[in-house]
PDB file of all heavy atoms in Angstrom:
ATOM      1  N   ARG A   1      58.622  31.850 -27.925  1.00  0.00           N
ATOM      2  CA  ARG A   1      57.455  32.453 -28.558  1.00  0.00           C
ATOM      3  C   ARG A   1      56.751  31.433 -29.439  1.00  0.00           C
ATOM      4  O   ARG A   1      57.368  30.473 -29.942  1.00  0.00           O
ATOM      5  CB  ARG A   1      57.864  33.658 -29.387  1.00  0.00           C
ATOM      6  CG  ARG A   1      58.740  33.353 -30.580  1.00  0.00           C
ATOM      7  CD  ARG A   1      59.242  34.672 -31.221  1.00  0.00           C
ATOM      8  NE  ARG A   1      58.142  35.460 -31.756  1.00  0.00           N
ATOM      9  CZ  ARG A   1      58.242  36.770 -32.012  1.00  0.00           C
ATOM     10  NH1 ARG A   1      59.347  37.435 -31.717  1.00  0.00           N
ATOM     11  NH2 ARG A   1      57.214  37.439 -32.535  1.00  0.00           N
ATOM     12  N   ASP A   2      55.459  31.648 -29.625  1.00  0.00           N
ATOM     13  CA  ASP A   2      54.633  30.854 -30.526  1.00  0.00           C
ATOM     14  C   ASP A   2      53.958  31.833 -31.456  1.00  0.00           C
ATOM     15  O   ASP A   2      53.014  32.528 -31.046  1.00  0.00           O
ATOM     16  CB  ASP A   2      53.610  30.048 -29.711  1.00  0.00           C
ATOM     17  CG  ASP A   2      52.786  29.082 -30.569  1.00  0.00           C
ATOM     18  OD1 ASP A   2      52.549  29.398 -31.748  1.00  0.00           O
ATOM     19  OD2 ASP A   2      52.375  28.065 -30.025  1.00  0.00           O
ATOM     20  N   ASN A   3      54.442  31.899 -32.679  1.00  0.00           N
ATOM     21  CA  ASN A   3      53.910  32.903 -33.610  1.00  0.00           C
ATOM     22  C   ASN A   3      52.494  32.553 -34.107  1.00  0.00           C
ATOM     23  O   ASN A   3      51.788  33.443 -34.578  1.00  0.00           O
ATOM     24  CB  ASN A   3      54.846  33.075 -34.790  1.00  0.00           C
ATOM     25  CG  ASN A   3      56.065  33.908 -34.426  1.00  0.00           C
ATOM     26  OD1 ASN A   3      56.110  34.522 -33.348  1.00  0.00           O
ATOM     27  ND2 ASN A   3      57.064  33.898 -35.289  1.00  0.00           N
ATOM     28  N   VAL A   4      52.115  31.310 -33.997  1.00  0.00           N
ATOM     29  CA  VAL A   4      50.745  30.932 -34.363  1.00  0.00           C
ATOM     30  C   VAL A   4      49.784  31.416 -33.276  1.00  0.00           C
ATOM     31  O   VAL A   4      48.734  31.987 -33.575  1.00  0.00           O
ATOM     32  CB  VAL A   4      50.614  29.425 -34.539  1.00  0.00           C
ATOM     33  CG1 VAL A   4      49.165  29.024 -34.753  1.00  0.00           C
ATOM     34  CG2 VAL A   4      51.487  28.951 -35.712  1.00  0.00           C
ATOM     35  N   LYS A   5      50.153  31.218 -32.027  1.00  0.00           N
ATOM     36  CA  LYS A   5      49.313  31.688 -30.905  1.00  0.00           C
ATOM     37  C   LYS A   5      49.528  33.161 -30.582  1.00  0.00           C
ATOM     38  O   LYS A   5      48.830  33.697 -29.718  1.00  0.00           O
ATOM     39  CB  LYS A   5      49.585  30.836 -29.668  1.00  0.00           C
ATOM     40  CG  LYS A   5      49.180  29.390 -29.802  1.00  0.00           C
ATOM     41  CD  LYS A   5      49.440  28.620 -28.509  1.00  0.00           C
ATOM     42  CE  LYS A   5      48.979  27.183 -28.632  1.00  0.00           C
ATOM     43  NZ  LYS A   5      49.231  26.423 -27.372  1.00  0.00           N
ATOM     44  N   LYS A   6      50.504  33.794 -31.235  1.00  0.00           N
ATOM     45  CA  LYS A   6      50.825  35.211 -30.972  1.00  0.00           C
ATOM     46  C   LYS A   6      51.110  35.433 -29.498  1.00  0.00           C
ATOM     47  O   LYS A   6      50.586  36.350 -28.874  1.00  0.00           O
ATOM     48  CB  LYS A   6      49.682  36.122 -31.441  1.00  0.00           C
ATOM     49  CG  LYS A   6      49.478  36.130 -32.939  1.00  0.00           C
ATOM     50  CD  LYS A   6      48.416  37.170 -33.346  1.00  0.00           C
ATOM     51  CE  LYS A   6      48.231  37.229 -34.841  1.00  0.00           C
ATOM     52  NZ  LYS A   6      47.213  38.241 -35.229  1.00  0.00           N
ATOM     53  N   THR A   7      51.928  34.576 -28.949  1.00  0.00           N
ATOM     54  CA  THR A   7      52.223  34.629 -27.527  1.00  0.00           C
ATOM     55  C   THR A   7      53.723  34.470 -27.298  1.00  0.00           C
ATOM     56  O   THR A   7      54.371  33.627 -27.960  1.00  0.00           O
ATOM     57  CB  THR A   7      51.442  33.532 -26.762  1.00  0.00           C
ATOM     58  OG1 THR A   7      50.049  33.716 -26.980  1.00  0.00           O
ATOM     59  CG2 THR A   7      51.712  33.619 -25.280  1.00  0.00           C
ATOM     60  N   VAL A   8      54.231  35.244 -26.356  1.00  0.00           N
ATOM     61  CA  VAL A   8      55.623  35.081 -25.930  1.00  0.00           C
ATOM     62  C   VAL A   8      55.586  34.667 -24.469  1.00  0.00           C
ATOM     63  O   VAL A   8      54.732  35.092 -23.709  1.00  0.00           O
ATOM     64  CB  VAL A   8      56.458  36.362 -26.136  1.00  0.00           C
ATOM     65  CG1 VAL A   8      55.901  37.532 -25.333  1.00  0.00           C
ATOM     66  CG2 VAL A   8      57.921  36.136 -25.838  1.00  0.00           C
ATOM     67  N   TYR A   9      56.543  33.792 -24.093  1.00  0.00           N
ATOM     68  CA  TYR A   9      56.561  33.235 -22.769  1.00  0.00           C
ATOM     69  C   TYR A   9      57.878  33.572 -22.069  1.00  0.00           C
ATOM     70  O   TYR A   9      58.904  33.787 -22.698  1.00  0.00           O
ATOM     71  CB  TYR A   9      56.408  31.712 -22.830  1.00  0.00           C
ATOM     72  CG  TYR A   9      55.178  31.246 -23.534  1.00  0.00           C
ATOM     73  CD1 TYR A   9      55.221  30.871 -24.872  1.00  0.00           C
ATOM     74  CD2 TYR A   9      53.969  31.150 -22.871  1.00  0.00           C
ATOM     75  CE1 TYR A   9      54.096  30.440 -25.544  1.00  0.00           C
ATOM     76  CE2 TYR A   9      52.828  30.705 -23.530  1.00  0.00           C
ATOM     77  CZ  TYR A   9      52.880  30.368 -24.859  1.00  0.00           C
ATOM     78  OH  TYR A   9      51.758  29.924 -25.516  1.00  0.00           O
ATOM     79  N   LEU A  10      57.824  33.566 -20.737  1.00  0.00           N
ATOM     80  CA  LEU A  10      59.035  33.663 -19.953  1.00  0.00           C
ATOM     81  C   LEU A  10      58.934  32.613 -18.847  1.00  0.00           C
ATOM     82  O   LEU A  10      58.141  32.765 -17.906  1.00  0.00           O
ATOM     83  CB  LEU A  10      59.209  35.058 -19.335  1.00  0.00           C
ATOM     84  CG  LEU A  10      60.528  35.276 -18.592  1.00  0.00           C
ATOM     85  CD1 LEU A  10      61.688  35.269 -19.592  1.00  0.00           C
ATOM     86  CD2 LEU A  10      60.501  36.595 -17.809  1.00  0.00           C
ATOM     87  N   GLN A  11      59.666  31.524 -19.014  1.00  0.00           N
ATOM     88  CA  GLN A  11      59.736  30.497 -18.010  1.00  0.00           C
ATOM     89  C   GLN A  11      60.767  30.897 -16.992  1.00  0.00           C
ATOM     90  O   GLN A  11      61.951  31.106 -17.339  1.00  0.00           O
ATOM     91  CB  GLN A  11      60.106  29.159 -18.643  1.00  0.00           C
ATOM     92  CG  GLN A  11      60.239  28.014 -17.646  1.00  0.00           C
ATOM     93  CD  GLN A  11      58.947  27.636 -16.985  1.00  0.00           C
ATOM     94  OE1 GLN A  11      57.910  27.532 -17.653  1.00  0.00           O
ATOM     95  NE2 GLN A  11      58.969  27.466 -15.670  1.00  0.00           N
ATOM     96  N   MET A  12      60.372  30.990 -15.740  1.00  0.00           N
ATOM     97  CA  MET A  12      61.269  31.440 -14.680  1.00  0.00           C
ATOM     98  C   MET A  12      61.415  30.337 -13.632  1.00  0.00           C
ATOM     99  O   MET A  12      60.439  29.946 -13.001  1.00  0.00           O
ATOM    100  CB  MET A  12      60.715  32.702 -14.025  1.00  0.00           C
ATOM    101  CG  MET A  12      60.405  33.822 -15.010  1.00  0.00           C
ATOM    102  SD  MET A  12      59.914  35.374 -14.209  1.00  0.00           S
ATOM    103  CE  MET A  12      58.381  34.881 -13.463  1.00  0.00           C
ATOM    104  N   ASN A  13      62.616  29.832 -13.532  1.00  0.00           N
ATOM    105  CA  ASN A  13      62.946  28.775 -12.569  1.00  0.00           C
ATOM    106  C   ASN A  13      63.909  29.274 -11.514  1.00  0.00           C
ATOM    107  O   ASN A  13      64.557  30.304 -11.689  1.00  0.00           O
ATOM    108  CB  ASN A  13      63.543  27.576 -13.276  1.00  0.00           C
ATOM    109  CG  ASN A  13      62.605  26.973 -14.314  1.00  0.00           C
ATOM    110  OD1 ASN A  13      61.396  26.966 -14.168  1.00  0.00           O
ATOM    111  ND2 ASN A  13      63.185  26.413 -15.387  1.00  0.00           N
ATOM    112  N   SER A  14      64.013  28.545 -10.402  1.00  0.00           N
ATOM    113  CA  SER A  14      64.947  28.892  -9.342  1.00  0.00           C
ATOM    114  C   SER A  14      64.799  30.365  -8.943  1.00  0.00           C
ATOM    115  O   SER A  14      65.776  31.102  -8.818  1.00  0.00           O
ATOM    116  CB  SER A  14      66.402  28.603  -9.750  1.00  0.00           C
ATOM    117  OG  SER A  14      66.547  27.249 -10.120  1.00  0.00           O
ATOM    118  N   LEU A  15      63.569  30.772  -8.758  1.00  0.00           N
ATOM    119  CA  LEU A  15      63.302  32.179  -8.467  1.00  0.00           C
ATOM    120  C   LEU A  15      63.910  32.599  -7.129  1.00  0.00           C
ATOM    121  O   LEU A  15      63.998  31.819  -6.173  1.00  0.00           O
ATOM    122  CB  LEU A  15      61.802  32.440  -8.463  1.00  0.00           C
ATOM    123  CG  LEU A  15      61.177  32.528  -9.875  1.00  0.00           C
ATOM    124  CD1 LEU A  15      59.685  32.318  -9.818  1.00  0.00           C
ATOM    125  CD2 LEU A  15      61.531  33.880 -10.505  1.00  0.00           C
ATOM    126  N   LYS A  16      64.327  33.869  -7.109  1.00  0.00           N
ATOM    127  CA  LYS A  16      64.944  34.454  -5.943  1.00  0.00           C
ATOM    128  C   LYS A  16      64.138  35.680  -5.489  1.00  0.00           C
ATOM    129  O   LYS A  16      63.475  36.296  -6.322  1.00  0.00           O
ATOM    130  CB  LYS A  16      66.391  34.897  -6.286  1.00  0.00           C
ATOM    131  CG  LYS A  16      67.271  33.802  -6.825  1.00  0.00           C
ATOM    132  CD  LYS A  16      68.624  34.352  -7.233  1.00  0.00           C
ATOM    133  CE  LYS A  16      69.515  33.257  -7.816  1.00  0.00           C
ATOM    134  NZ  LYS A  16      70.842  33.802  -8.213  1.00  0.00           N
ATOM    135  N   PRO A  17      64.245  36.043  -4.220  1.00  0.00           N
ATOM    136  CA  PRO A  17      63.534  37.253  -3.772  1.00  0.00           C
ATOM    137  C   PRO A  17      63.866  38.478  -4.622  1.00  0.00           C
ATOM    138  O   PRO A  17      62.984  39.347  -4.830  1.00  0.00           O
ATOM    139  CB  PRO A  17      63.982  37.390  -2.337  1.00  0.00           C
ATOM    140  CG  PRO A  17      64.278  36.009  -1.900  1.00  0.00           C
ATOM    141  CD  PRO A  17      64.875  35.340  -3.104  1.00  0.00           C
ATOM    142  N   GLU A  18      65.079  38.584  -5.119  1.00  0.00           N
ATOM    143  CA  GLU A  18      65.451  39.744  -5.909  1.00  0.00           C
ATOM    144  C   GLU A  18      64.811  39.759  -7.302  1.00  0.00           C
ATOM    145  O   GLU A  18      64.955  40.733  -8.041  1.00  0.00           O
ATOM    146  CB  GLU A  18      66.967  39.855  -6.038  1.00  0.00           C
ATOM    147  CG  GLU A  18      67.655  38.582  -6.474  1.00  0.00           C
ATOM    148  CD  GLU A  18      68.188  37.774  -5.305  1.00  0.00           C
ATOM    149  OE1 GLU A  18      67.473  37.629  -4.278  1.00  0.00           O
ATOM    150  OE2 GLU A  18      69.317  37.254  -5.424  1.00  0.00           O
ATOM    151  N   ASP A  19      64.102  38.687  -7.660  1.00  0.00           N
ATOM    152  CA  ASP A  19      63.339  38.682  -8.915  1.00  0.00           C
ATOM    153  C   ASP A  19      61.993  39.356  -8.748  1.00  0.00           C
ATOM    154  O   ASP A  19      61.244  39.503  -9.735  1.00  0.00           O
ATOM    155  CB  ASP A  19      63.135  37.262  -9.408  1.00  0.00           C
ATOM    156  CG  ASP A  19      64.431  36.561  -9.796  1.00  0.00           C
ATOM    157  OD1 ASP A  19      65.282  37.199 -10.450  1.00  0.00           O
ATOM    158  OD2 ASP A  19      64.599  35.374  -9.454  1.00  0.00           O
ATOM    159  N   THR A  20      61.646  39.716  -7.515  1.00  0.00           N
ATOM    160  CA  THR A  20      60.352  40.368  -7.272  1.00  0.00           C
ATOM    161  C   THR A  20      60.252  41.675  -8.007  1.00  0.00           C
ATOM    162  O   THR A  20      61.142  42.540  -7.877  1.00  0.00           O
ATOM    163  CB  THR A  20      60.164  40.577  -5.763  1.00  0.00           C
ATOM    164  OG1 THR A  20      60.096  39.323  -5.103  1.00  0.00           O
ATOM    165  CG2 THR A  20      58.906  41.380  -5.469  1.00  0.00           C
ATOM    166  N   ALA A  21      59.210  41.818  -8.798  1.00  0.00           N
ATOM    167  CA  ALA A  21      59.040  43.031  -9.632  1.00  0.00           C
ATOM    168  C   ALA A  21      57.727  42.910 -10.403  1.00  0.00           C
ATOM    169  O   ALA A  21      57.111  41.833 -10.425  1.00  0.00           O
ATOM    170  CB  ALA A  21      60.181  43.209 -10.601  1.00  0.00           C
ATOM    171  N   VAL A  22      57.344  43.995 -11.031  1.00  0.00           N
ATOM    172  CA  VAL A  22      56.316  43.942 -12.057  1.00  0.00           C
ATOM    173  C   VAL A  22      57.001  43.638 -13.379  1.00  0.00           C
ATOM    174  O   VAL A  22      57.967  44.315 -13.749  1.00  0.00           O
ATOM    175  CB  VAL A  22      55.533  45.256 -12.154  1.00  0.00           C
ATOM    176  CG1 VAL A  22      54.503  45.185 -13.273  1.00  0.00           C
ATOM    177  CG2 VAL A  22      54.845  45.599 -10.821  1.00  0.00           C
ATOM    178  N   TYR A  23      56.525  42.607 -14.061  1.00  0.00           N
ATOM    179  CA  TYR A  23      57.117  42.174 -15.313  1.00  0.00           C
ATOM    180  C   TYR A  23      56.258  42.660 -16.485  1.00  0.00           C
ATOM    181  O   TYR A  23      55.025  42.490 -16.491  1.00  0.00           O
ATOM    182  CB  TYR A  23      57.254  40.648 -15.348  1.00  0.00           C
ATOM    183  CG  TYR A  23      58.413  40.164 -14.518  1.00  0.00           C
ATOM    184  CD1 TYR A  23      58.360  40.214 -13.128  1.00  0.00           C
ATOM    185  CD2 TYR A  23      59.537  39.633 -15.117  1.00  0.00           C
ATOM    186  CE1 TYR A  23      59.438  39.797 -12.366  1.00  0.00           C
ATOM    187  CE2 TYR A  23      60.622  39.181 -14.365  1.00  0.00           C
ATOM    188  CZ  TYR A  23      60.562  39.282 -12.991  1.00  0.00           C
ATOM    189  OH  TYR A  23      61.625  38.836 -12.223  1.00  0.00           O
ATOM    190  N   TYR A  24      56.935  43.266 -17.473  1.00  0.00           N
ATOM    191  CA  TYR A  24      56.263  43.808 -18.640  1.00  0.00           C
ATOM    192  C   TYR A  24      56.779  43.145 -19.895  1.00  0.00           C
ATOM    193  O   TYR A  24      57.990  42.883 -20.014  1.00  0.00           O
ATOM    194  CB  TYR A  24      56.541  45.305 -18.755  1.00  0.00           C
ATOM    195  CG  TYR A  24      56.085  46.157 -17.599  1.00  0.00           C
ATOM    196  CD1 TYR A  24      56.909  46.386 -16.514  1.00  0.00           C
ATOM    197  CD2 TYR A  24      54.811  46.740 -17.591  1.00  0.00           C
ATOM    198  CE1 TYR A  24      56.503  47.178 -15.445  1.00  0.00           C
ATOM    199  CE2 TYR A  24      54.392  47.534 -16.554  1.00  0.00           C
ATOM    200  CZ  TYR A  24      55.257  47.749 -15.489  1.00  0.00           C
ATOM    201  OH  TYR A  24      54.828  48.527 -14.436  1.00  0.00           O
ATOM    202  N   CYS A  25      55.899  42.898 -20.825  1.00  0.00           N
ATOM    203  CA  CYS A  25      56.357  42.482 -22.164  1.00  0.00           C
ATOM    204  C   CYS A  25      56.257  43.682 -23.104  1.00  0.00           C
ATOM    205  O   CYS A  25      55.469  44.611 -22.892  1.00  0.00           O
ATOM    206  CB  CYS A  25      55.622  41.276 -22.700  1.00  0.00           C
ATOM    207  SG  CYS A  25      53.937  41.581 -23.197  1.00  0.00           S
ATOM    208  N   ALA A  26      57.074  43.618 -24.140  1.00  0.00           N
ATOM    209  CA  ALA A  26      57.140  44.719 -25.086  1.00  0.00           C
ATOM    210  C   ALA A  26      57.365  44.178 -26.487  1.00  0.00           C
ATOM    211  O   ALA A  26      57.903  43.066 -26.671  1.00  0.00           O
ATOM    212  CB  ALA A  26      58.266  45.674 -24.700  1.00  0.00           C
ATOM    213  N   ALA A  27      56.949  44.954 -27.477  1.00  0.00           N
ATOM    214  CA  ALA A  27      57.052  44.540 -28.873  1.00  0.00           C
ATOM    215  C   ALA A  27      57.549  45.671 -29.774  1.00  0.00           C
ATOM    216  O   ALA A  27      57.293  46.849 -29.511  1.00  0.00           O
ATOM    217  CB  ALA A  27      55.700  44.050 -29.389  1.00  0.00           C
ATOM    218  N   LYS A  28      58.290  45.288 -30.818  1.00  0.00           N
ATOM    219  CA  LYS A  28      58.731  46.281 -31.798  1.00  0.00           C
ATOM    220  C   LYS A  28      58.941  45.590 -33.128  1.00  0.00           C
ATOM    221  O   LYS A  28      59.621  44.557 -33.195  1.00  0.00           O
ATOM    222  CB  LYS A  28      60.054  46.911 -31.344  1.00  0.00           C
ATOM    223  CG  LYS A  28      60.673  47.919 -32.345  1.00  0.00           C
ATOM    224  CD  LYS A  28      59.826  49.142 -32.514  1.00  0.00           C
ATOM    225  CE  LYS A  28      60.580  50.266 -33.226  1.00  0.00           C
ATOM    226  NZ  LYS A  28      60.833  49.938 -34.621  1.00  0.00           N
ATOM    227  N   TRP A  29      58.321  46.121 -34.177  1.00  0.00           N
ATOM    228  CA  TRP A  29      58.556  45.571 -35.501  1.00  0.00           C
ATOM    229  C   TRP A  29      60.033  45.696 -35.863  1.00  0.00           C
ATOM    230  O   TRP A  29      60.649  46.752 -35.614  1.00  0.00           O
ATOM    231  CB  TRP A  29      57.707  46.319 -36.524  1.00  0.00           C
ATOM    232  CG  TRP A  29      57.899  45.813 -37.928  1.00  0.00           C
ATOM    233  CD1 TRP A  29      57.252  44.799 -38.531  1.00  0.00           C
ATOM    234  CD2 TRP A  29      58.846  46.309 -38.879  1.00  0.00           C
ATOM    235  NE1 TRP A  29      57.722  44.620 -39.819  1.00  0.00           N
ATOM    236  CE2 TRP A  29      58.689  45.547 -40.042  1.00  0.00           C
ATOM    237  CE3 TRP A  29      59.811  47.328 -38.856  1.00  0.00           C
ATOM    238  CZ2 TRP A  29      59.463  45.741 -41.174  1.00  0.00           C
ATOM    239  CZ3 TRP A  29      60.576  47.546 -39.982  1.00  0.00           C
ATOM    240  CH2 TRP A  29      60.395  46.752 -41.130  1.00  0.00           C
ATOM    241  N   THR A  30      60.617  44.655 -36.427  1.00  0.00           N
ATOM    242  CA  THR A  30      62.012  44.696 -36.818  1.00  0.00           C
ATOM    243  C   THR A  30      62.141  44.198 -38.284  1.00  0.00           C
ATOM    244  O   THR A  30      61.480  43.247 -38.643  1.00  0.00           O
ATOM    245  CB  THR A  30      62.893  43.833 -35.928  1.00  0.00           C
ATOM    246  OG1 THR A  30      62.387  42.490 -35.907  1.00  0.00           O
ATOM    247  CG2 THR A  30      62.946  44.362 -34.507  1.00  0.00           C
ATOM    248  N   PRO A  31      63.019  44.843 -39.049  1.00  0.00           N
ATOM    249  CA  PRO A  31      63.208  44.398 -40.431  1.00  0.00           C
ATOM    250  C   PRO A  31      63.955  43.073 -40.553  1.00  0.00           C
ATOM    251  O   PRO A  31      63.758  42.347 -41.519  1.00  0.00           O
ATOM    252  CB  PRO A  31      63.999  45.545 -41.054  1.00  0.00           C
ATOM    253  CG  PRO A  31      64.706  46.185 -39.929  1.00  0.00           C
ATOM    254  CD  PRO A  31      63.811  46.034 -38.723  1.00  0.00           C
ATOM    255  N   SER A  32      64.792  42.779 -39.568  1.00  0.00           N
ATOM    256  CA  SER A  32      65.615  41.579 -39.625  1.00  0.00           C
ATOM    257  C   SER A  32      64.987  40.482 -38.779  1.00  0.00           C
ATOM    258  O   SER A  32      64.584  40.704 -37.659  1.00  0.00           O
ATOM    259  CB  SER A  32      67.005  41.863 -39.078  1.00  0.00           C
ATOM    260  OG  SER A  32      67.720  40.667 -38.856  1.00  0.00           O
ATOM    261  N   PRO A  33      64.913  39.263 -39.327  1.00  0.00           N
ATOM    262  CA  PRO A  33      64.297  38.138 -38.578  1.00  0.00           C
ATOM    263  C   PRO A  33      65.083  37.777 -37.329  1.00  0.00           C
ATOM    264  O   PRO A  33      64.509  37.179 -36.414  1.00  0.00           O
ATOM    265  CB  PRO A  33      64.332  36.988 -39.594  1.00  0.00           C
ATOM    266  CG  PRO A  33      64.446  37.625 -40.906  1.00  0.00           C
ATOM    267  CD  PRO A  33      65.248  38.877 -40.694  1.00  0.00           C
ATOM    268  N   SER A  34      66.359  38.102 -37.270  1.00  0.00           N
ATOM    269  CA  SER A  34      67.185  37.680 -36.159  1.00  0.00           C
ATOM    270  C   SER A  34      67.562  38.791 -35.174  1.00  0.00           C
ATOM    271  O   SER A  34      68.314  38.558 -34.236  1.00  0.00           O
ATOM    272  CB  SER A  34      68.474  37.040 -36.669  1.00  0.00           C
ATOM    273  OG  SER A  34      69.189  38.002 -37.435  1.00  0.00           O
ATOM    274  N   GLU A  35      67.006  39.952 -35.362  1.00  0.00           N
ATOM    275  CA  GLU A  35      67.348  41.082 -34.524  1.00  0.00           C
ATOM    276  C   GLU A  35      66.714  40.974 -33.143  1.00  0.00           C
ATOM    277  O   GLU A  35      65.541  40.627 -33.037  1.00  0.00           O
ATOM    278  CB  GLU A  35      66.916  42.406 -35.175  1.00  0.00           C
ATOM    279  CG  GLU A  35      67.324  43.651 -34.414  1.00  0.00           C
ATOM    280  CD  GLU A  35      66.941  44.930 -35.140  1.00  0.00           C
ATOM    281  OE1 GLU A  35      66.271  44.863 -36.183  1.00  0.00           O
ATOM    282  OE2 GLU A  35      67.338  46.013 -34.659  1.00  0.00           O
ATOM    283  N   VAL A  36      67.494  41.286 -32.105  1.00  0.00           N
ATOM    284  CA  VAL A  36      66.976  41.346 -30.744  1.00  0.00           C
ATOM    285  C   VAL A  36      67.173  42.775 -30.233  1.00  0.00           C
ATOM    286  O   VAL A  36      68.094  43.467 -30.661  1.00  0.00           O
ATOM    287  CB  VAL A  36      67.657  40.332 -29.821  1.00  0.00           C
ATOM    288  CG1 VAL A  36      67.254  38.907 -30.180  1.00  0.00           C
ATOM    289  CG2 VAL A  36      69.176  40.477 -29.832  1.00  0.00           C
TER     290      VAL A  36
END
């Protein structure tokens, strides 16, 4: 992620046919800086 550009990235390498899908990003405010 780049918090200045307000952008999150997903670099996908060695792609396989089973990776075929619609990909969605999602966001949620969290109180903890390290929470996933």
